[in-house]
N, C-alpha and C. Protein backbone atom coordinates (compact mmCIF):
# COMPACT_ATOMS: atom_id res chain seq x y z
N UNK A 1 35.96 9.32 -4.03
CA UNK A 1 35.86 8.16 -3.17
C UNK A 1 35.18 7.06 -3.97
N UNK A 2 35.76 5.88 -3.97
CA UNK A 2 35.17 4.74 -4.67
C UNK A 2 34.41 3.88 -3.67
N UNK A 3 33.14 3.61 -3.97
CA UNK A 3 32.34 2.75 -3.12
C UNK A 3 32.44 1.32 -3.60
N UNK A 4 32.48 0.39 -2.68
CA UNK A 4 32.46 -1.01 -3.07
C UNK A 4 31.81 -1.82 -1.98
N UNK A 5 31.19 -2.92 -2.40
CA UNK A 5 30.53 -3.83 -1.47
C UNK A 5 31.56 -4.84 -0.99
N UNK A 6 31.66 -5.00 0.32
CA UNK A 6 32.58 -5.97 0.87
C UNK A 6 31.79 -6.96 1.70
N UNK A 7 32.19 -8.21 1.66
CA UNK A 7 31.52 -9.24 2.45
C UNK A 7 31.92 -9.08 3.91
N UNK A 8 32.57 -10.06 4.45
CA UNK A 8 33.03 -9.99 5.84
C UNK A 8 34.35 -9.21 5.87
N UNK A 9 34.42 -8.24 6.73
CA UNK A 9 35.62 -7.40 6.84
C UNK A 9 36.26 -7.62 8.20
N UNK A 10 36.71 -8.83 8.43
CA UNK A 10 37.28 -9.16 9.73
C UNK A 10 38.45 -8.26 10.08
N UNK A 11 39.29 -7.98 9.09
CA UNK A 11 40.47 -7.16 9.39
C UNK A 11 40.10 -5.72 9.71
N UNK A 12 38.91 -5.28 9.33
CA UNK A 12 38.46 -3.92 9.62
C UNK A 12 37.44 -3.89 10.74
N UNK A 13 37.03 -5.07 11.20
CA UNK A 13 36.03 -5.13 12.26
C UNK A 13 34.63 -4.88 11.75
N UNK A 14 34.42 -4.92 10.44
CA UNK A 14 33.10 -4.65 9.87
C UNK A 14 32.28 -5.93 9.74
N UNK A 15 31.02 -5.76 9.47
CA UNK A 15 30.13 -6.90 9.28
C UNK A 15 29.48 -6.85 7.91
N UNK A 16 30.13 -6.25 6.98
CA UNK A 16 29.55 -6.11 5.65
C UNK A 16 28.90 -4.76 5.52
N UNK A 17 28.58 -4.36 4.33
CA UNK A 17 27.96 -3.07 4.10
C UNK A 17 28.66 -2.36 2.97
N UNK A 18 28.44 -1.09 2.85
CA UNK A 18 29.07 -0.29 1.82
C UNK A 18 30.18 0.53 2.45
N UNK A 19 31.32 0.50 1.80
CA UNK A 19 32.49 1.19 2.32
C UNK A 19 33.12 1.99 1.21
N UNK A 20 33.76 3.06 1.56
CA UNK A 20 34.51 3.85 0.60
C UNK A 20 35.97 3.87 0.99
N UNK A 21 36.83 3.97 0.01
CA UNK A 21 38.26 4.07 0.29
C UNK A 21 38.69 5.52 0.07
N UNK A 22 39.33 6.08 1.07
CA UNK A 22 39.80 7.46 0.99
C UNK A 22 41.24 7.49 1.45
N UNK A 23 42.13 7.82 0.53
CA UNK A 23 43.55 7.95 0.87
C UNK A 23 44.11 6.74 1.61
N UNK A 24 43.77 5.56 1.19
CA UNK A 24 44.29 4.35 1.82
C UNK A 24 43.50 3.91 3.04
N UNK A 25 42.60 4.76 3.54
CA UNK A 25 41.76 4.40 4.68
C UNK A 25 40.39 3.94 4.20
N UNK A 26 39.63 3.40 5.10
CA UNK A 26 38.29 2.92 4.75
C UNK A 26 37.26 3.69 5.57
N UNK A 27 36.21 4.11 4.91
CA UNK A 27 35.17 4.92 5.53
C UNK A 27 33.81 4.30 5.23
N UNK A 28 33.01 4.09 6.23
CA UNK A 28 31.68 3.51 6.04
C UNK A 28 30.79 4.55 5.34
N UNK A 29 30.02 4.15 4.36
CA UNK A 29 29.15 5.03 3.59
C UNK A 29 27.72 4.89 4.07
N UNK A 30 27.18 5.94 4.69
CA UNK A 30 25.84 5.92 5.28
C UNK A 30 24.77 5.68 4.21
N UNK A 31 24.83 6.40 3.11
CA UNK A 31 23.81 6.26 2.07
C UNK A 31 23.81 4.86 1.49
N UNK A 32 24.98 4.30 1.26
CA UNK A 32 25.06 2.94 0.73
C UNK A 32 24.45 1.92 1.66
N UNK A 33 24.72 2.07 2.95
CA UNK A 33 24.12 1.17 3.94
C UNK A 33 22.61 1.28 3.95
N UNK A 34 22.11 2.50 3.93
CA UNK A 34 20.67 2.70 4.01
C UNK A 34 19.94 2.17 2.79
N UNK A 35 20.56 2.30 1.62
CA UNK A 35 19.90 1.88 0.39
C UNK A 35 20.09 0.41 0.09
N UNK A 36 21.29 -0.11 0.31
CA UNK A 36 21.56 -1.48 -0.13
C UNK A 36 22.21 -2.37 0.91
N UNK A 37 22.41 -1.89 2.12
CA UNK A 37 23.05 -2.71 3.15
C UNK A 37 22.17 -3.87 3.58
N UNK A 38 22.80 -4.87 4.16
CA UNK A 38 22.05 -6.05 4.60
C UNK A 38 21.16 -5.76 5.80
N UNK A 39 21.64 -4.98 6.72
CA UNK A 39 20.88 -4.66 7.94
C UNK A 39 21.22 -3.22 8.34
N UNK A 40 20.67 -2.24 7.65
CA UNK A 40 21.04 -0.84 7.91
C UNK A 40 20.92 -0.42 9.37
N UNK A 41 19.93 -0.95 10.08
CA UNK A 41 19.70 -0.53 11.46
C UNK A 41 20.84 -0.93 12.40
N UNK A 42 21.64 -1.92 12.00
CA UNK A 42 22.79 -2.31 12.83
C UNK A 42 23.82 -1.19 12.90
N UNK A 43 23.90 -0.38 11.87
CA UNK A 43 24.90 0.69 11.81
C UNK A 43 24.29 2.07 11.91
N UNK A 44 22.99 2.17 11.63
CA UNK A 44 22.28 3.44 11.67
C UNK A 44 21.06 3.25 12.56
N UNK A 45 21.20 3.63 13.82
CA UNK A 45 20.16 3.32 14.81
C UNK A 45 18.77 3.83 14.44
N UNK A 46 18.68 4.94 13.74
CA UNK A 46 17.38 5.51 13.41
C UNK A 46 16.88 5.12 12.03
N UNK A 47 17.46 4.09 11.43
CA UNK A 47 17.11 3.71 10.06
C UNK A 47 15.85 2.86 10.03
N UNK A 48 14.76 3.42 10.54
CA UNK A 48 13.46 2.74 10.47
C UNK A 48 12.36 3.78 10.51
N UNK A 49 11.14 3.33 10.26
CA UNK A 49 9.97 4.20 10.32
C UNK A 49 9.07 3.71 11.43
N UNK A 50 8.60 4.64 12.24
CA UNK A 50 7.64 4.32 13.29
C UNK A 50 6.29 4.87 12.84
N UNK A 51 5.30 3.98 12.70
CA UNK A 51 3.95 4.37 12.31
C UNK A 51 3.03 4.11 13.49
N UNK A 52 2.21 5.11 13.85
CA UNK A 52 1.23 4.94 14.92
C UNK A 52 -0.10 5.53 14.45
N UNK A 53 -1.17 4.72 14.55
CA UNK A 53 -2.54 5.16 14.22
C UNK A 53 -3.27 5.37 15.53
N UNK A 54 -3.63 6.62 15.81
CA UNK A 54 -4.33 6.97 17.04
C UNK A 54 -5.85 6.97 16.82
N UNK A 55 -6.59 6.59 17.83
CA UNK A 55 -8.05 6.61 17.79
C UNK A 55 -8.51 7.93 18.40
N UNK A 56 -8.32 9.00 17.66
CA UNK A 56 -8.66 10.33 18.15
C UNK A 56 -7.76 11.38 17.53
N UNK A 57 -7.65 12.52 18.21
CA UNK A 57 -6.91 13.65 17.67
C UNK A 57 -5.71 14.07 18.52
N UNK A 58 -5.43 13.32 19.58
CA UNK A 58 -4.34 13.69 20.49
C UNK A 58 -3.37 12.51 20.68
N UNK A 59 -2.12 12.84 21.00
CA UNK A 59 -1.12 11.79 21.29
C UNK A 59 -1.52 10.93 22.48
N UNK A 60 -2.34 11.46 23.35
CA UNK A 60 -2.77 10.72 24.54
C UNK A 60 -3.96 9.79 24.27
N UNK A 61 -4.53 9.84 23.06
CA UNK A 61 -5.65 8.97 22.71
C UNK A 61 -5.17 7.54 22.52
N UNK A 62 -6.09 6.56 22.61
CA UNK A 62 -5.69 5.16 22.45
C UNK A 62 -5.04 4.89 21.09
N UNK A 63 -4.12 3.93 21.07
CA UNK A 63 -3.44 3.54 19.84
C UNK A 63 -4.24 2.42 19.18
N UNK A 64 -4.63 2.64 17.91
CA UNK A 64 -5.33 1.60 17.15
C UNK A 64 -4.37 0.57 16.61
N UNK A 65 -3.25 1.04 16.06
CA UNK A 65 -2.23 0.14 15.52
C UNK A 65 -0.90 0.86 15.49
N UNK A 66 0.16 0.08 15.50
CA UNK A 66 1.50 0.65 15.38
C UNK A 66 2.40 -0.34 14.66
N UNK A 67 3.37 0.21 13.94
CA UNK A 67 4.29 -0.62 13.16
C UNK A 67 5.69 -0.02 13.25
N UNK A 68 6.67 -0.89 13.31
CA UNK A 68 8.08 -0.50 13.20
C UNK A 68 8.58 -1.13 11.91
N UNK A 69 8.91 -0.31 10.92
CA UNK A 69 9.27 -0.80 9.60
C UNK A 69 10.75 -0.52 9.36
N UNK A 70 11.52 -1.57 9.15
CA UNK A 70 12.95 -1.39 8.96
C UNK A 70 13.44 -2.23 7.80
N UNK A 71 14.67 -1.95 7.40
CA UNK A 71 15.29 -2.62 6.26
C UNK A 71 15.95 -1.57 5.39
N UNK A 72 16.20 -1.94 4.15
CA UNK A 72 16.79 -0.97 3.23
C UNK A 72 15.74 0.09 2.89
N UNK A 73 16.19 1.22 2.37
CA UNK A 73 15.27 2.30 2.04
C UNK A 73 14.17 1.83 1.08
N UNK A 74 14.49 1.11 -0.01
CA UNK A 74 13.40 0.67 -0.89
C UNK A 74 12.37 -0.22 -0.18
N UNK A 75 12.81 -1.12 0.67
CA UNK A 75 11.84 -1.99 1.36
C UNK A 75 11.03 -1.21 2.40
N UNK A 76 11.65 -0.27 3.08
CA UNK A 76 10.93 0.55 4.06
C UNK A 76 9.87 1.41 3.35
N UNK A 77 10.22 1.97 2.21
CA UNK A 77 9.25 2.76 1.46
C UNK A 77 8.04 1.92 1.07
N UNK A 78 8.29 0.76 0.49
CA UNK A 78 7.19 -0.10 0.03
C UNK A 78 6.35 -0.61 1.20
N UNK A 79 7.00 -1.06 2.26
CA UNK A 79 6.27 -1.61 3.41
C UNK A 79 5.42 -0.53 4.09
N UNK A 80 6.00 0.65 4.26
CA UNK A 80 5.26 1.73 4.93
C UNK A 80 4.12 2.22 4.05
N UNK A 81 4.35 2.31 2.75
CA UNK A 81 3.28 2.75 1.86
C UNK A 81 2.10 1.77 1.87
N UNK A 82 2.39 0.50 2.06
CA UNK A 82 1.32 -0.49 2.20
C UNK A 82 0.50 -0.22 3.47
N UNK A 83 1.19 0.11 4.56
CA UNK A 83 0.50 0.45 5.81
C UNK A 83 -0.31 1.74 5.63
N UNK A 84 0.27 2.73 4.98
CA UNK A 84 -0.45 3.99 4.76
C UNK A 84 -1.69 3.78 3.90
N UNK A 85 -1.54 3.00 2.84
CA UNK A 85 -2.67 2.75 1.94
C UNK A 85 -3.83 2.08 2.68
N UNK A 86 -3.50 1.21 3.62
CA UNK A 86 -4.54 0.52 4.40
C UNK A 86 -5.32 1.48 5.30
N UNK A 87 -4.74 2.65 5.61
CA UNK A 87 -5.41 3.62 6.48
C UNK A 87 -6.36 4.53 5.72
N UNK A 88 -6.17 4.64 4.41
CA UNK A 88 -7.00 5.54 3.61
C UNK A 88 -8.37 4.91 3.41
N UNK A 89 -9.39 5.62 3.86
CA UNK A 89 -10.76 5.13 3.74
C UNK A 89 -11.44 5.81 2.55
N UNK A 90 -12.49 5.19 2.04
CA UNK A 90 -13.29 5.80 0.98
C UNK A 90 -14.46 6.50 1.62
N UNK A 91 -14.58 7.79 1.33
CA UNK A 91 -15.66 8.62 1.87
C UNK A 91 -16.73 8.75 0.78
N UNK A 92 -17.98 8.47 1.14
CA UNK A 92 -19.09 8.59 0.20
C UNK A 92 -19.98 9.75 0.61
N UNK A 93 -20.29 10.63 -0.37
CA UNK A 93 -21.14 11.79 -0.11
C UNK A 93 -22.41 11.69 -0.95
N UNK A 94 -23.54 12.03 -0.33
CA UNK A 94 -24.83 12.01 -1.01
C UNK A 94 -25.48 13.38 -1.04
N UNK A 95 -25.31 14.16 0.00
CA UNK A 95 -26.05 15.41 0.22
C UNK A 95 -25.90 16.37 -0.96
N UNK A 96 -27.04 16.74 -1.54
CA UNK A 96 -27.05 17.75 -2.59
C UNK A 96 -26.49 17.28 -3.92
N UNK A 97 -26.26 16.00 -4.09
CA UNK A 97 -25.68 15.48 -5.33
C UNK A 97 -26.69 14.55 -6.02
N UNK A 98 -26.75 14.57 -7.34
CA UNK A 98 -27.68 13.67 -8.03
C UNK A 98 -27.27 12.20 -7.88
N UNK A 99 -25.99 11.94 -7.74
CA UNK A 99 -25.49 10.58 -7.50
C UNK A 99 -24.47 10.63 -6.38
N UNK A 100 -24.16 9.48 -5.87
CA UNK A 100 -23.15 9.46 -4.79
C UNK A 100 -21.78 9.81 -5.35
N UNK A 101 -20.99 10.41 -4.51
CA UNK A 101 -19.62 10.78 -4.88
C UNK A 101 -18.67 10.10 -3.92
N UNK A 102 -17.69 9.37 -4.46
CA UNK A 102 -16.70 8.67 -3.62
C UNK A 102 -15.33 9.32 -3.78
N UNK A 103 -14.66 9.45 -2.67
CA UNK A 103 -13.32 10.05 -2.68
C UNK A 103 -12.52 9.46 -1.51
N UNK A 104 -11.20 9.40 -1.67
CA UNK A 104 -10.39 8.92 -0.55
C UNK A 104 -10.39 9.94 0.59
N UNK A 105 -10.27 9.45 1.82
CA UNK A 105 -10.23 10.35 2.98
C UNK A 105 -8.98 11.20 2.98
N UNK A 106 -7.93 10.70 2.38
CA UNK A 106 -6.65 11.41 2.26
C UNK A 106 -6.14 11.13 0.84
N UNK A 107 -5.68 12.15 0.12
CA UNK A 107 -5.13 11.89 -1.23
C UNK A 107 -3.82 11.11 -1.11
N UNK A 108 -3.86 9.82 -1.49
CA UNK A 108 -2.71 8.96 -1.26
C UNK A 108 -1.45 9.45 -1.96
N UNK A 109 -1.56 9.96 -3.18
CA UNK A 109 -0.36 10.40 -3.91
C UNK A 109 0.36 11.53 -3.18
N UNK A 110 -0.39 12.44 -2.58
CA UNK A 110 0.22 13.53 -1.81
C UNK A 110 0.89 12.98 -0.55
N UNK A 111 0.21 12.09 0.13
CA UNK A 111 0.76 11.45 1.33
C UNK A 111 2.03 10.68 0.99
N UNK A 112 1.99 9.95 -0.10
CA UNK A 112 3.14 9.17 -0.55
C UNK A 112 4.35 10.08 -0.81
N UNK A 113 4.12 11.20 -1.49
CA UNK A 113 5.21 12.12 -1.80
C UNK A 113 5.80 12.73 -0.53
N UNK A 114 4.96 13.14 0.40
CA UNK A 114 5.45 13.70 1.66
C UNK A 114 6.26 12.67 2.43
N UNK A 115 5.76 11.43 2.48
CA UNK A 115 6.46 10.38 3.20
C UNK A 115 7.81 10.07 2.55
N UNK A 116 7.82 9.92 1.23
CA UNK A 116 9.09 9.61 0.54
C UNK A 116 10.11 10.72 0.78
N UNK A 117 9.68 11.97 0.73
CA UNK A 117 10.60 13.08 1.00
C UNK A 117 11.16 12.99 2.42
N UNK A 118 10.31 12.63 3.38
CA UNK A 118 10.76 12.52 4.77
C UNK A 118 11.83 11.45 4.92
N UNK A 119 11.68 10.32 4.23
CA UNK A 119 12.65 9.24 4.34
C UNK A 119 13.93 9.57 3.56
N UNK A 120 13.78 10.04 2.34
CA UNK A 120 14.94 10.25 1.48
C UNK A 120 15.78 11.47 1.87
N UNK A 121 15.17 12.44 2.54
CA UNK A 121 15.91 13.66 2.90
C UNK A 121 16.24 13.75 4.38
N UNK A 122 16.08 12.67 5.11
CA UNK A 122 16.40 12.69 6.54
C UNK A 122 17.91 12.71 6.74
N UNK A 123 18.34 13.05 7.94
CA UNK A 123 19.76 13.04 8.25
C UNK A 123 20.03 11.96 9.29
N UNK A 124 21.20 11.34 9.20
CA UNK A 124 21.61 10.34 10.18
C UNK A 124 22.70 10.89 11.09
N UNK A 125 23.26 12.04 10.73
CA UNK A 125 24.40 12.58 11.49
C UNK A 125 24.00 13.16 12.84
N UNK A 126 22.84 13.81 12.92
CA UNK A 126 22.52 14.54 14.14
C UNK A 126 21.48 13.87 15.02
N UNK A 127 20.94 12.71 14.59
CA UNK A 127 19.88 12.10 15.38
C UNK A 127 19.75 10.61 15.09
N UNK A 128 19.43 9.86 16.11
CA UNK A 128 19.12 8.44 15.95
C UNK A 128 17.60 8.22 15.94
N UNK A 129 16.84 9.29 15.87
CA UNK A 129 15.38 9.19 15.85
C UNK A 129 14.92 8.65 14.50
N UNK A 130 13.84 7.89 14.49
CA UNK A 130 13.31 7.39 13.21
C UNK A 130 12.45 8.45 12.53
N UNK A 131 12.07 8.17 11.29
CA UNK A 131 11.00 8.95 10.67
C UNK A 131 9.73 8.48 11.37
N UNK A 132 8.89 9.43 11.80
CA UNK A 132 7.67 9.07 12.52
C UNK A 132 6.45 9.51 11.72
N UNK A 133 5.49 8.59 11.59
CA UNK A 133 4.21 8.91 10.96
C UNK A 133 3.14 8.70 12.02
N UNK A 134 2.45 9.77 12.37
CA UNK A 134 1.37 9.72 13.36
C UNK A 134 0.07 10.03 12.64
N UNK A 135 -0.84 9.05 12.62
CA UNK A 135 -2.12 9.19 11.91
C UNK A 135 -3.22 9.41 12.94
N UNK A 136 -3.83 10.58 12.87
CA UNK A 136 -4.92 10.94 13.77
C UNK A 136 -6.23 10.95 12.99
N UNK A 137 -7.36 11.10 13.68
CA UNK A 137 -8.66 11.14 13.00
C UNK A 137 -8.79 12.35 12.08
N UNK A 138 -8.08 13.44 12.39
CA UNK A 138 -8.24 14.67 11.62
C UNK A 138 -6.99 15.12 10.86
N UNK A 139 -5.90 14.34 10.94
CA UNK A 139 -4.67 14.76 10.26
C UNK A 139 -3.66 13.62 10.27
N UNK A 140 -2.61 13.79 9.45
CA UNK A 140 -1.46 12.89 9.44
C UNK A 140 -0.23 13.76 9.65
N UNK A 141 0.59 13.40 10.64
CA UNK A 141 1.82 14.15 10.90
C UNK A 141 3.00 13.27 10.52
N UNK A 142 3.96 13.84 9.78
CA UNK A 142 5.17 13.13 9.39
C UNK A 142 6.35 13.93 9.93
N UNK A 143 7.16 13.29 10.77
CA UNK A 143 8.32 13.94 11.36
C UNK A 143 9.57 13.24 10.87
N UNK A 144 10.53 14.02 10.40
CA UNK A 144 11.77 13.47 9.87
C UNK A 144 12.95 14.17 10.53
N UNK A 145 13.91 13.40 11.07
CA UNK A 145 15.09 14.04 11.67
C UNK A 145 15.85 14.89 10.65
N UNK A 146 16.28 16.01 11.09
CA UNK A 146 17.03 16.89 10.21
C UNK A 146 16.23 18.14 9.91
N UNK A 147 16.65 18.86 8.91
CA UNK A 147 15.98 20.09 8.54
C UNK A 147 16.17 20.36 7.07
N UNK A 148 15.87 21.56 6.63
CA UNK A 148 16.06 21.90 5.22
C UNK A 148 17.51 21.73 4.81
N UNK A 149 17.74 21.41 3.55
CA UNK A 149 19.08 21.14 3.03
C UNK A 149 19.71 22.38 2.43
N UNK A 150 21.02 22.51 2.59
CA UNK A 150 21.78 23.57 1.94
C UNK A 150 21.39 24.95 2.43
N UNK A 151 21.12 25.84 1.49
CA UNK A 151 20.78 27.22 1.83
C UNK A 151 19.29 27.43 2.03
N UNK A 152 18.51 26.36 1.89
CA UNK A 152 17.06 26.49 2.07
C UNK A 152 16.77 26.68 3.57
N UNK A 153 15.84 27.59 3.85
CA UNK A 153 15.37 27.80 5.21
C UNK A 153 13.85 27.61 5.20
N UNK A 154 13.27 27.56 6.38
CA UNK A 154 11.82 27.45 6.48
C UNK A 154 11.16 28.63 5.76
N UNK A 155 11.77 29.79 5.82
CA UNK A 155 11.20 30.99 5.19
C UNK A 155 11.28 30.94 3.68
N UNK A 156 12.27 30.26 3.10
CA UNK A 156 12.48 30.28 1.66
C UNK A 156 11.96 29.04 0.94
N UNK A 157 11.39 28.08 1.66
CA UNK A 157 10.87 26.88 1.00
C UNK A 157 9.79 27.27 -0.01
N UNK A 158 9.89 26.74 -1.20
CA UNK A 158 8.89 27.00 -2.24
C UNK A 158 9.15 28.26 -3.05
N UNK A 159 10.23 28.98 -2.75
CA UNK A 159 10.53 30.21 -3.49
C UNK A 159 11.63 29.93 -4.50
N UNK A 160 11.58 30.60 -5.66
CA UNK A 160 12.63 30.37 -6.66
C UNK A 160 14.00 30.80 -6.17
N UNK A 161 15.02 30.14 -6.70
CA UNK A 161 16.39 30.51 -6.43
C UNK A 161 16.92 29.83 -5.27
């Protein structure tokens, strides 16, 4: 299948995006839209990230802040990572130490990797739900539509082969 960028596709009823040609027919390419389309959410309802910062440890606790981040995958990654970075606090410890010790409340690189995996490995076929990031006082939950890819199961994640 050859992918190509088309402007206005009046004869096909399209509004631009990435399309593939298959046997004389035209097929919309989901990955192309998500990565480089002008407005991915117009064609992929769940192509955004929902971020919610709770003031507590439960979904019923007050919301401190919330963001809906949409656009192409590269812009969503960068915008959401900026929001995530703003949530990471510096923790200072003194007890039993000759000098103060500073550390982030959450290791940003690990959080970044988990978030990127959630966005890049999500599925658009079975759900219009967004990737959701819920930040609580004691944890961060990342939910991504879909499941393990291929022959991987929850039981075999992290195992060779």
